[in-house]
Amino acid sequence: MVTSGFNCLNPCCGESTAGYVSLRVQQLAVSCETKTHDNVFVEIVVSVQFRAIAAAAYDAFYKLTNPREQIRAYVYDVIRSGVPKITLDHLFESKDDLAHKVRENLSKVMESYGYEIIQTLVIDIRPARNVAEAMNEINANLRLRVAAADKAEAEKIEVVKNAEADAESKYLTGVGIARQRKAIVDGLRDSVLHFSQSVPGTTPKDVMDLVLVTQYFDTVKDLGHHSKTTTLFVPHAPGSVAEVASEIRSGFMTPSHHQD
């Protein structure tokens, strides 16, 4: 046994070079096809990094004819005994556990042959093409379903908020109209009381008739000041305020009749 460097052999004593053992770290890629628990065939590629132990170089050279094939056989054994117990989804999630299991089994066996297992890595998991496309389609459909649910929820929130805003707007409009009418009623009441007190002998009904007629003529005047206003014919005869007020009330309360 000699190390690297300059060495001399004595051929007269029968000395010769039997072979060489590299102490460098070597790498072996092992591709193994197997099936998972859910009956999906996959190709798994495992990278094994190993080297010969310097102190056990004799065993590394003489005990194994082909250390690479031996490592390959043990990798096959571990993968084909472990992968069929798990599903494809679980395989992707637990590839580090699988790599650790391969290293653990290889280390126990190969150490007795003078080899040290440095690292094992599951570098690729290749399911059949149609299986991979189906998995991608499942994932895409799941994301579309989540997006559709989020979109529907957003539209629901928008509809609810619009309805709440519309209800609040109508409520505030109602409050405004109620306050406006209350203000009108309060103003009319104050006007009637003030007029009754200022003009002796008038009744509240007289005052209301006067207010009604005044508003009526203000409206007619307003219509006349607008050039685009449609012509309006309101039948009434000259008379007392009470008569005009009565005609106005009758005009509002009685539907009009047209004859051809």
C-alpha atoms as a PDB file:
ATOM      1  CA  MET A   1       0.000   0.000   0.000  1.00  0.00           C
ATOM      2  CA  VAL A   2       1.510   3.306  -1.052  1.00  0.00           C
ATOM      3  CA  THR A   3       0.160   6.815  -1.139  1.00  0.00           C
ATOM      4  CA  SER A   4       0.269   9.243  -4.050  1.00  0.00           C
ATOM      5  CA  GLY A   5       3.616  10.657  -5.136  1.00  0.00           C
ATOM      6  CA  PHE A   6       6.959   9.133  -6.252  1.00  0.00           C
ATOM      7  CA  ASN A   7       7.240   5.434  -5.409  1.00  0.00           C
ATOM      8  CA  CYS A   8       9.730   2.743  -6.513  1.00  0.00           C
ATOM      9  CA  LEU A   9       8.898  -0.890  -7.262  1.00  0.00           C
ATOM     10  CA  ASN A  10      11.367  -3.814  -7.335  1.00  0.00           C
ATOM     11  CA  PRO A  11      10.281  -6.079 -10.174  1.00  0.00           C
ATOM     12  CA  CYS A  12      12.928  -8.606  -9.158  1.00  0.00           C
ATOM     13  CA  CYS A  13      11.030  -9.246  -5.944  1.00  0.00           C
ATOM     14  CA  GLY A  14       7.765  -9.580  -7.869  1.00  0.00           C
ATOM     15  CA  GLU A  15       6.462  -6.133  -7.005  1.00  0.00           C
ATOM     16  CA  SER A  16       3.971  -4.608  -9.477  1.00  0.00           C
ATOM     17  CA  THR A  17       1.033  -2.190  -9.530  1.00  0.00           C
ATOM     18  CA  ALA A  18      -2.204  -4.053  -8.770  1.00  0.00           C
ATOM     19  CA  GLY A  19      -4.462  -1.033  -9.289  1.00  0.00           C
ATOM     20  CA  TYR A  20      -5.410   2.424  -8.178  1.00  0.00           C
ATOM     21  CA  VAL A  21      -8.042   3.673  -5.718  1.00  0.00           C
ATOM     22  CA  SER A  22      -9.124   7.304  -6.053  1.00  0.00           C
ATOM     23  CA  LEU A  23      -9.682   9.168  -2.789  1.00  0.00           C
ATOM     24  CA  ARG A  24     -11.589  11.967  -4.513  1.00  0.00           C
ATOM     25  CA  VAL A  25     -15.272  12.512  -3.916  1.00  0.00           C
ATOM     26  CA  GLN A  26     -17.196  10.816  -6.719  1.00  0.00           C
ATOM     27  CA  GLN A  27     -20.765  11.309  -7.807  1.00  0.00           C
ATOM     28  CA  LEU A  28     -23.196   8.756  -9.175  1.00  0.00           C
ATOM     29  CA  ALA A  29     -26.647   9.606 -10.587  1.00  0.00           C
ATOM     30  CA  VAL A  30     -29.103   6.745 -10.216  1.00  0.00           C
ATOM     31  CA  SER A  31     -32.373   6.800 -12.149  1.00  0.00           C
ATOM     32  CA  CYS A  32     -35.054   4.459 -10.846  1.00  0.00           C
ATOM     33  CA  GLU A  33     -38.601   3.917 -12.120  1.00  0.00           C
ATOM     34  CA  THR A  34     -41.258   2.792  -9.668  1.00  0.00           C
ATOM     35  CA  LYS A  35     -44.916   3.417  -8.789  1.00  0.00           C
ATOM     36  CA  THR A  36     -46.537   5.211  -5.890  1.00  0.00           C
ATOM     37  CA  HIS A  37     -49.322   4.087  -3.569  1.00  0.00           C
ATOM     38  CA  ASP A  38     -51.922   5.718  -5.849  1.00  0.00           C
ATOM     39  CA  ASN A  39     -50.603   3.704  -8.847  1.00  0.00           C
ATOM     40  CA  VAL A  40     -48.713   6.504 -10.582  1.00  0.00           C
ATOM     41  CA  PHE A  41     -45.452   5.519 -12.279  1.00  0.00           C
ATOM     42  CA  VAL A  42     -42.625   7.951 -11.609  1.00  0.00           C
ATOM     43  CA  GLU A  43     -38.948   8.162 -12.436  1.00  0.00           C
ATOM     44  CA  ILE A  44     -36.804   9.224  -9.481  1.00  0.00           C
ATOM     45  CA  VAL A  45     -33.239  10.460  -9.943  1.00  0.00           C
ATOM     46  CA  VAL A  46     -30.952  10.165  -6.903  1.00  0.00           C
ATOM     47  CA  SER A  47     -27.468  11.682  -6.781  1.00  0.00           C
ATOM     48  CA  VAL A  48     -25.020   9.822  -4.502  1.00  0.00           C
ATOM     49  CA  GLN A  49     -21.727  11.439  -3.502  1.00  0.00           C
ATOM     50  CA  PHE A  50     -19.164   8.972  -2.100  1.00  0.00           C
ATOM     51  CA  ARG A  51     -15.436   8.419  -1.693  1.00  0.00           C
ATOM     52  CA  ALA A  52     -13.038   5.676  -0.670  1.00  0.00           C
ATOM     53  CA  ILE A  53     -11.815   5.786   2.907  1.00  0.00           C
ATOM     54  CA  ALA A  54      -7.996   6.163   2.916  1.00  0.00           C
ATOM     55  CA  ALA A  55      -7.554   3.877   5.907  1.00  0.00           C
ATOM     56  CA  ALA A  56      -9.691   1.207   4.238  1.00  0.00           C
ATOM     57  CA  ALA A  57      -8.281   1.462   0.719  1.00  0.00           C
ATOM     58  CA  TYR A  58      -7.517  -2.295   0.694  1.00  0.00           C
ATOM     59  CA  ASP A  59     -11.180  -3.164   1.286  1.00  0.00           C
ATOM     60  CA  ALA A  60     -12.287  -0.537  -1.228  1.00  0.00           C
ATOM     61  CA  PHE A  61     -10.134  -2.159  -3.913  1.00  0.00           C
ATOM     62  CA  TYR A  62     -10.529  -5.863  -3.212  1.00  0.00           C
ATOM     63  CA  LYS A  63     -13.946  -6.357  -1.627  1.00  0.00           C
ATOM     64  CA  LEU A  64     -16.039  -4.869  -4.431  1.00  0.00           C
ATOM     65  CA  THR A  65     -15.631  -5.550  -8.112  1.00  0.00           C
ATOM     66  CA  ASN A  66     -17.819  -2.592  -9.109  1.00  0.00           C
ATOM     67  CA  PRO A  67     -18.741  -0.192  -6.259  1.00  0.00           C
ATOM     68  CA  ARG A  68     -20.949   1.937  -8.545  1.00  0.00           C
ATOM     69  CA  GLU A  69     -23.201  -0.993  -9.422  1.00  0.00           C
ATOM     70  CA  GLN A  70     -23.363  -1.950  -5.758  1.00  0.00           C
ATOM     71  CA  ILE A  71     -24.490   1.572  -4.805  1.00  0.00           C
ATOM     72  CA  ARG A  72     -26.982   1.557  -7.659  1.00  0.00           C
ATOM     73  CA  ALA A  73     -28.486  -1.729  -6.461  1.00  0.00           C
ATOM     74  CA  TYR A  74     -28.986  -0.446  -2.903  1.00  0.00           C
ATOM     75  CA  VAL A  75     -30.565   2.780  -4.154  1.00  0.00           C
ATOM     76  CA  TYR A  76     -33.020   0.710  -6.224  1.00  0.00           C
ATOM     77  CA  ASP A  77     -33.828  -1.410  -3.186  1.00  0.00           C
ATOM     78  CA  VAL A  78     -34.546   1.562  -0.903  1.00  0.00           C
ATOM     79  CA  ILE A  79     -36.629   3.479  -3.464  1.00  0.00           C
ATOM     80  CA  ARG A  80     -38.701   0.514  -4.635  1.00  0.00           C
ATOM     81  CA  SER A  81     -39.440  -0.532  -1.079  1.00  0.00           C
ATOM     82  CA  GLY A  82     -40.334   2.937   0.211  1.00  0.00           C
ATOM     83  CA  VAL A  83     -42.050   4.837  -2.603  1.00  0.00           C
ATOM     84  CA  PRO A  84     -44.930   2.335  -3.182  1.00  0.00           C
ATOM     85  CA  LYS A  85     -46.087   3.063   0.390  1.00  0.00           C
ATOM     86  CA  ILE A  86     -46.731   6.765  -0.206  1.00  0.00           C
ATOM     87  CA  THR A  87     -48.838   8.796  -2.652  1.00  0.00           C
ATOM     88  CA  LEU A  88     -47.449  11.013  -5.395  1.00  0.00           C
ATOM     89  CA  ASP A  89     -48.274  14.241  -3.526  1.00  0.00           C
ATOM     90  CA  HIS A  90     -46.622  12.882  -0.377  1.00  0.00           C
ATOM     91  CA  LEU A  91     -43.579  11.863  -2.426  1.00  0.00           C
ATOM     92  CA  PHE A  92     -42.967  15.452  -3.517  1.00  0.00           C
ATOM     93  CA  GLU A  93     -43.359  16.624   0.064  1.00  0.00           C
ATOM     94  CA  SER A  94     -41.085  13.965   1.613  1.00  0.00           C
ATOM     95  CA  LYS A  95     -38.256  13.732  -0.919  1.00  0.00           C
ATOM     96  CA  ASP A  96     -35.761  14.876   1.733  1.00  0.00           C
ATOM     97  CA  ASP A  97     -36.885  12.018   3.996  1.00  0.00           C
ATOM     98  CA  LEU A  98     -36.400   9.593   1.100  1.00  0.00           C
ATOM     99  CA  ALA A  99     -32.889  10.936   0.445  1.00  0.00           C
ATOM    100  CA  HIS A 100     -32.024  10.561   4.149  1.00  0.00           C
ATOM    101  CA  LYS A 101     -33.275   6.977   4.141  1.00  0.00           C
ATOM    102  CA  VAL A 102     -31.148   6.147   1.087  1.00  0.00           C
ATOM    103  CA  ARG A 103     -28.065   7.645   2.712  1.00  0.00           C
ATOM    104  CA  GLU A 104     -28.670   5.838   5.986  1.00  0.00           C
ATOM    105  CA  ASN A 105     -28.962   2.430   4.303  1.00  0.00           C
ATOM    106  CA  LEU A 106     -26.015   3.013   1.983  1.00  0.00           C
ATOM    107  CA  SER A 107     -23.747   4.218   4.778  1.00  0.00           C
ATOM    108  CA  LYS A 108     -24.283   1.054   6.819  1.00  0.00           C
ATOM    109  CA  VAL A 109     -23.496  -1.224   3.896  1.00  0.00           C
ATOM    110  CA  MET A 110     -20.779   0.657   2.016  1.00  0.00           C
ATOM    111  CA  GLU A 111     -18.703   1.442   5.099  1.00  0.00           C
ATOM    112  CA  SER A 112     -17.879  -2.240   5.446  1.00  0.00           C
ATOM    113  CA  TYR A 113     -16.532  -2.143   1.892  1.00  0.00           C
ATOM    114  CA  GLY A 114     -14.249   0.841   2.566  1.00  0.00           C
ATOM    115  CA  TYR A 115     -16.509   3.580   1.134  1.00  0.00           C
ATOM    116  CA  GLU A 116     -17.983   6.624   2.836  1.00  0.00           C
ATOM    117  CA  ILE A 117     -21.323   8.060   1.659  1.00  0.00           C
ATOM    118  CA  ILE A 118     -20.970  11.848   1.761  1.00  0.00           C
ATOM    119  CA  GLN A 119     -24.459  12.908   0.646  1.00  0.00           C
ATOM    120  CA  THR A 120     -27.521  11.638  -1.181  1.00  0.00           C
ATOM    121  CA  LEU A 121     -29.941  13.957  -2.960  1.00  0.00           C
ATOM    122  CA  VAL A 122     -33.240  13.323  -4.709  1.00  0.00           C
ATOM    123  CA  ILE A 123     -32.641  15.720  -7.589  1.00  0.00           C
ATOM    124  CA  ASP A 124     -35.677  14.917  -9.756  1.00  0.00           C
ATOM    125  CA  ILE A 125     -39.106  13.299  -9.606  1.00  0.00           C
ATOM    126  CA  ARG A 126     -40.619  12.739 -13.051  1.00  0.00           C
ATOM    127  CA  PRO A 127     -44.184  11.459 -13.263  1.00  0.00           C
ATOM    128  CA  ALA A 128     -45.661  10.540 -16.638  1.00  0.00           C
ATOM    129  CA  ARG A 129     -46.357  13.536 -18.877  1.00  0.00           C
ATOM    130  CA  ASN A 130     -50.136  13.111 -18.782  1.00  0.00           C
ATOM    131  CA  VAL A 131     -50.023  12.825 -14.974  1.00  0.00           C
ATOM    132  CA  ALA A 132     -48.015  16.037 -14.692  1.00  0.00           C
ATOM    133  CA  GLU A 133     -50.470  17.828 -16.998  1.00  0.00           C
ATOM    134  CA  ALA A 134     -53.401  16.543 -14.933  1.00  0.00           C
ATOM    135  CA  MET A 135     -51.752  17.797 -11.723  1.00  0.00           C
ATOM    136  CA  ASN A 136     -51.200  21.214 -13.280  1.00  0.00           C
ATOM    137  CA  GLU A 137     -54.819  21.308 -14.456  1.00  0.00           C
ATOM    138  CA  ILE A 138     -56.071  20.413 -10.962  1.00  0.00           C
ATOM    139  CA  ASN A 139     -53.973  23.189  -9.480  1.00  0.00           C
ATOM    140  CA  ALA A 140     -55.144  25.677 -12.119  1.00  0.00           C
ATOM    141  CA  ASN A 141     -58.815  24.774 -11.542  1.00  0.00           C
ATOM    142  CA  LEU A 142     -58.350  25.136  -7.797  1.00  0.00           C
ATOM    143  CA  ARG A 143     -56.886  28.596  -8.217  1.00  0.00           C
ATOM    144  CA  LEU A 144     -59.688  29.573 -10.627  1.00  0.00           C
ATOM    145  CA  ARG A 145     -62.273  28.388  -8.097  1.00  0.00           C
ATOM    146  CA  VAL A 146     -60.649  30.435  -5.338  1.00  0.00           C
ATOM    147  CA  ALA A 147     -60.461  33.467  -7.650  1.00  0.00           C
ATOM    148  CA  ALA A 148     -64.138  33.061  -8.599  1.00  0.00           C
ATOM    149  CA  ALA A 149     -65.130  32.817  -4.936  1.00  0.00           C
ATOM    150  CA  ASP A 150     -63.123  35.954  -4.106  1.00  0.00           C
ATOM    151  CA  LYS A 151     -64.664  37.801  -7.056  1.00  0.00           C
ATOM    152  CA  ALA A 152     -68.188  36.769  -6.026  1.00  0.00           C
ATOM    153  CA  GLU A 153     -67.508  37.844  -2.447  1.00  0.00           C
ATOM    154  CA  ALA A 154     -66.235  41.229  -3.671  1.00  0.00           C
ATOM    155  CA  GLU A 155     -69.333  41.688  -5.847  1.00  0.00           C
ATOM    156  CA  LYS A 156     -71.543  40.720  -2.914  1.00  0.00           C
ATOM    157  CA  ILE A 157     -69.853  43.280  -0.687  1.00  0.00           C
ATOM    158  CA  GLU A 158     -70.268  45.922  -3.406  1.00  0.00           C
ATOM    159  CA  VAL A 159     -73.991  45.118  -3.828  1.00  0.00           C
ATOM    160  CA  VAL A 160     -74.556  45.176  -0.071  1.00  0.00           C
ATOM    161  CA  LYS A 161     -72.709  48.454   0.322  1.00  0.00           C
ATOM    162  CA  ASN A 162     -74.637  50.017  -2.565  1.00  0.00           C
ATOM    163  CA  ALA A 163     -77.918  48.848  -1.033  1.00  0.00           C
ATOM    164  CA  GLU A 164     -76.915  50.238   2.353  1.00  0.00           C
ATOM    165  CA  ALA A 165     -75.919  53.540   0.742  1.00  0.00           C
ATOM    166  CA  ASP A 166     -79.208  53.693  -1.204  1.00  0.00           C
ATOM    167  CA  ALA A 167     -81.212  52.935   1.941  1.00  0.00           C
ATOM    168  CA  GLU A 168     -79.305  55.567   3.897  1.00  0.00           C
ATOM    169  CA  SER A 169     -79.820  58.076   1.063  1.00  0.00           C
ATOM    170  CA  LYS A 170     -83.573  57.413   0.953  1.00  0.00           C
ATOM    171  CA  TYR A 171     -83.788  57.651   4.719  1.00  0.00           C
ATOM    172  CA  LEU A 172     -82.004  60.989   4.747  1.00  0.00           C
ATOM    173  CA  THR A 173     -84.199  62.197   1.841  1.00  0.00           C
ATOM    174  CA  GLY A 174     -87.279  61.205   3.821  1.00  0.00           C
ATOM    175  CA  VAL A 175     -85.981  62.991   6.889  1.00  0.00           C
ATOM    176  CA  GLY A 176     -85.344  66.097   4.766  1.00  0.00           C
ATOM    177  CA  ILE A 177     -88.839  66.021   3.228  1.00  0.00           C
ATOM    178  CA  ALA A 178     -90.410  65.503   6.642  1.00  0.00           C
ATOM    179  CA  ARG A 179     -88.485  68.453   8.043  1.00  0.00           C
ATOM    180  CA  GLN A 180     -89.425  70.556   5.024  1.00  0.00           C
ATOM    181  CA  ARG A 181     -93.126  69.770   5.431  1.00  0.00           C
ATOM    182  CA  LYS A 182     -92.946  70.401   9.150  1.00  0.00           C
ATOM    183  CA  ALA A 183     -91.330  73.766   8.463  1.00  0.00           C
ATOM    184  CA  ILE A 184     -94.075  74.608   5.935  1.00  0.00           C
ATOM    185  CA  VAL A 185     -96.813  73.588   8.369  1.00  0.00           C
ATOM    186  CA  ASP A 186     -95.177  75.545  11.180  1.00  0.00           C
ATOM    187  CA  GLY A 187     -94.852  78.597   8.905  1.00  0.00           C
ATOM    188  CA  LEU A 188     -98.470  78.354   7.782  1.00  0.00           C
ATOM    189  CA  ARG A 189     -99.639  77.971  11.344  1.00  0.00           C
ATOM    190  CA  ASP A 190     -97.682  81.007  12.454  1.00  0.00           C
ATOM    191  CA  SER A 191     -99.012  82.994   9.470  1.00  0.00           C
ATOM    192  CA  VAL A 192    -102.611  82.005  10.202  1.00  0.00           C
ATOM    193  CA  LEU A 193    -102.316  82.896  13.872  1.00  0.00           C
ATOM    194  CA  HIS A 194    -100.582  86.195  13.113  1.00  0.00           C
ATOM    195  CA  PHE A 195    -103.128  87.129  10.425  1.00  0.00           C
ATOM    196  CA  SER A 196    -106.100  86.216  12.632  1.00  0.00           C
ATOM    197  CA  GLN A 197    -104.763  88.354  15.418  1.00  0.00           C
ATOM    198  CA  SER A 198    -103.956  91.291  13.116  1.00  0.00           C
ATOM    199  CA  VAL A 199    -107.265  91.319  11.175  1.00  0.00           C
ATOM    200  CA  PRO A 200    -110.265  90.984  13.489  1.00  0.00           C
ATOM    201  CA  GLY A 201    -113.171  88.887  12.260  1.00  0.00           C
ATOM    202  CA  THR A 202    -111.130  86.531  10.021  1.00  0.00           C
ATOM    203  CA  THR A 203    -111.176  82.802  10.572  1.00  0.00           C
ATOM    204  CA  PRO A 204    -108.311  80.372  10.017  1.00  0.00           C
ATOM    205  CA  LYS A 205    -110.186  79.033   6.976  1.00  0.00           C
ATOM    206  CA  ASP A 206    -110.241  82.508   5.425  1.00  0.00           C
ATOM    207  CA  VAL A 207    -106.513  82.828   5.930  1.00  0.00           C
ATOM    208  CA  MET A 208    -105.849  79.392   4.386  1.00  0.00           C
ATOM    209  CA  ASP A 209    -107.981  80.292   1.354  1.00  0.00           C
ATOM    210  CA  LEU A 210    -106.000  83.505   0.935  1.00  0.00           C
ATOM    211  CA  VAL A 211    -102.680  81.654   1.174  1.00  0.00           C
ATOM    212  CA  LEU A 212    -103.877  79.063  -1.327  1.00  0.00           C
ATOM    213  CA  VAL A 213    -105.005  81.714  -3.836  1.00  0.00           C
ATOM    214  CA  THR A 214    -101.754  83.666  -3.394  1.00  0.00           C
ATOM    215  CA  GLN A 215     -99.673  80.565  -4.086  1.00  0.00           C
ATOM    216  CA  TYR A 216    -101.882  79.750  -7.052  1.00  0.00           C
ATOM    217  CA  PHE A 217    -101.335  83.141  -8.685  1.00  0.00           C
ATOM    218  CA  ASP A 218     -97.612  83.002  -7.882  1.00  0.00           C
ATOM    219  CA  THR A 219     -97.463  79.680  -9.712  1.00  0.00           C
ATOM    220  CA  VAL A 220     -99.329  81.070 -12.735  1.00  0.00           C
ATOM    221  CA  LYS A 221     -96.984  84.045 -12.775  1.00  0.00           C
ATOM    222  CA  ASP A 222     -93.979  81.716 -12.561  1.00  0.00           C
ATOM    223  CA  LEU A 223     -95.198  79.686 -15.516  1.00  0.00           C
ATOM    224  CA  GLY A 224     -95.665  82.808 -17.593  1.00  0.00           C
ATOM    225  CA  HIS A 225     -92.086  83.974 -17.048  1.00  0.00           C
ATOM    226  CA  HIS A 226     -90.578  80.842 -18.639  1.00  0.00           C
ATOM    227  CA  SER A 227     -90.458  80.903 -22.435  1.00  0.00           C
ATOM    228  CA  LYS A 228     -90.421  77.103 -22.801  1.00  0.00           C
ATOM    229  CA  THR A 229     -93.333  76.453 -20.510  1.00  0.00           C
ATOM    230  CA  THR A 230     -96.227  74.537 -22.042  1.00  0.00           C
ATOM    231  CA  THR A 231     -99.471  76.499 -22.290  1.00  0.00           C
ATOM    232  CA  LEU A 232    -101.701  75.773 -19.330  1.00  0.00           C
ATOM    233  CA  PHE A 233    -105.461  76.517 -19.238  1.00  0.00           C
ATOM    234  CA  VAL A 234    -106.923  76.702 -15.772  1.00  0.00           C
ATOM    235  CA  PRO A 235    -110.709  77.401 -15.771  1.00  0.00           C
ATOM    236  CA  HIS A 236    -111.832  79.779 -13.082  1.00  0.00           C
ATOM    237  CA  ALA A 237    -114.309  82.649 -12.779  1.00  0.00           C
ATOM    238  CA  PRO A 238    -113.680  85.951 -11.012  1.00  0.00           C
ATOM    239  CA  GLY A 239    -115.173  86.068  -7.600  1.00  0.00           C
ATOM    240  CA  SER A 240    -114.326  86.174  -3.991  1.00  0.00           C
ATOM    241  CA  VAL A 241    -111.197  84.635  -2.570  1.00  0.00           C
ATOM    242  CA  ALA A 242    -113.269  81.817  -1.097  1.00  0.00           C
ATOM    243  CA  GLU A 243    -114.790  81.008  -4.491  1.00  0.00           C
ATOM    244  CA  VAL A 244    -111.401  80.981  -6.244  1.00  0.00           C
ATOM    245  CA  ALA A 245    -109.974  78.791  -3.488  1.00  0.00           C
ATOM    246  CA  SER A 246    -112.907  76.433  -3.804  1.00  0.00           C
ATOM    247  CA  GLU A 247    -112.384  76.173  -7.572  1.00  0.00           C
ATOM    248  CA  ILE A 248    -108.668  75.457  -7.097  1.00  0.00           C
ATOM    249  CA  ARG A 249    -109.381  72.733  -4.585  1.00  0.00           C
ATOM    250  CA  SER A 250    -112.020  71.280  -6.882  1.00  0.00           C
ATOM    251  CA  GLY A 251    -109.592  71.348  -9.805  1.00  0.00           C
ATOM    252  CA  PHE A 252    -106.955  69.425  -7.863  1.00  0.00           C
ATOM    253  CA  MET A 253    -109.346  66.865  -6.428  1.00  0.00           C
ATOM    254  CA  THR A 254    -111.562  66.235  -9.515  1.00  0.00           C
ATOM    255  CA  PRO A 255    -110.074  64.442 -12.556  1.00  0.00           C
ATOM    256  CA  SER A 256    -110.329  66.319 -15.849  1.00  0.00           C
ATOM    257  CA  HIS A 257    -112.453  65.020 -18.761  1.00  0.00           C
ATOM    258  CA  HIS A 258    -111.625  65.525 -22.439  1.00  0.00           C
ATOM    259  CA  GLN A 259    -114.091  65.315 -25.329  1.00  0.00           C
ATOM    260  CA  ASP A 260    -113.200  64.771 -28.966  1.00  0.00           C
END
